[in-house]
Amino acid sequence: MYTFIRSLLFFFNPEKAHYLTANLMRIALQIPGMKSIWKSMFCMTDKRLEKTVFGITFPNPVGLAAGFDKDAKMFEDLAYCGFGFIEIGTLTPKGQPGNPQPRLFRLKEDNAIINRMGFNNEGVEAAVERLKKRKTKTIIGGNIGKNKVTENEDALKDYILNFNALFDYVDYFVVNVSSPNTPGLRDLQEKEPLKQLLLALMNENKLKAKQKPILLKIAPDLTDSQLDDIIEIVDESKIAGVIATNTTISREGLVTDKNRVAEIGAGGLSGKPVRERSTEVIRYLATKSNKSFPIIGVGGIHSEKDALEKLDAGADLIQLYTGFIYEGPSLVKRINQAILKRN
């Protein structure tokens, strides 16, 4: 069924298809009885799927990665797709339009997507107003970044502003310094600026009556020595964990016509081509750190096998994005079923 729906959606521009999907989902779930039908189709409730990570008990280990629900407009509806948690954002202090369109491209032959969205969002306060009306008990992560016009030397102010604005309305935070679509952002992954950023956020966290987990999302393009730095920084800053990985700037191994890829140009690549490298990063971090911190694995999960591979490599939880677009919500349930079969 989803294969048919996907073929129709893929007739549309990818960004238009995304908003069309959101509207169709919202309309469908307003039909009496439809929420119960979706729950029976896509959701699983089983104590054996529960996992407590960085102090939060997740109903199942399969989450939705940031980027799908940038403005916290869809999380209530997405809860009926079976996710154990949903990450909103990336949010910035001020709303911004992002990069010029077109900025989202399908590579169907590779089961991949290239995006250069550029943190398009309505701003953190607009998201907060929606989160205040939250009805479901779905665990929500807040993915935060800096505005494009903010210089790196002032980036900390943006992250702290986001952190304080969202604090009462999300369950955990993700510091995004790894998107390739905001000029200079990845420079914040360098050892010293990253350490100072995370230490400052942790100091802000300590001022709260009850601290919330802060995670770092990293790129798959880091070298082993940079990954060693990440392990050291996590240890020094005492953040809760790492999300591995974001999109890649690499174009290696694609079967899509090279002229087509060149025509698309810059942007982060996600989907099946990222699977192997993402798993390598997870395994490296887990092994070299002696599993001293939790890891959320994301990148190229399009099947149950892909999900189990991430978990076997050392991930505690996993997230979907491109796989969810290509495979549909049944993928979430299939992964959870595969996990139960191994228990």
Foldseek 3Di string as FASTA:
>chain_A
DVQVVLVVLVVDQVVVSLVVVQVVLVVQVVPPPSLVVLQVQAADADPVQWDAALRDIFRHQEEADEDSAAQQPRPLSCVSLHHSAYEYHQAWAAADQFDDPPFWDDPPVQLKIFGLRGRHYHHLLSSLVNLVVDDDPHAYEYEYFYHLPDDLVCGLVGVVSNCVSCVVRHQAYEYEQAFPNRPPSVVCLPQPNVLVSLLVVVVVQVVDPHGHAYEYEHALPDDLVSLVSVLVSCVVSVGQYYEFYDFYQDPPPRPRDPVVVVVSPGGGMFAQVFLVSSLVSLLSNCVVNVNPHAYEGEGHPQALVSQVSSVVSGHPHYYYDSSCSNPNSNRSVRNRVSVVVVD
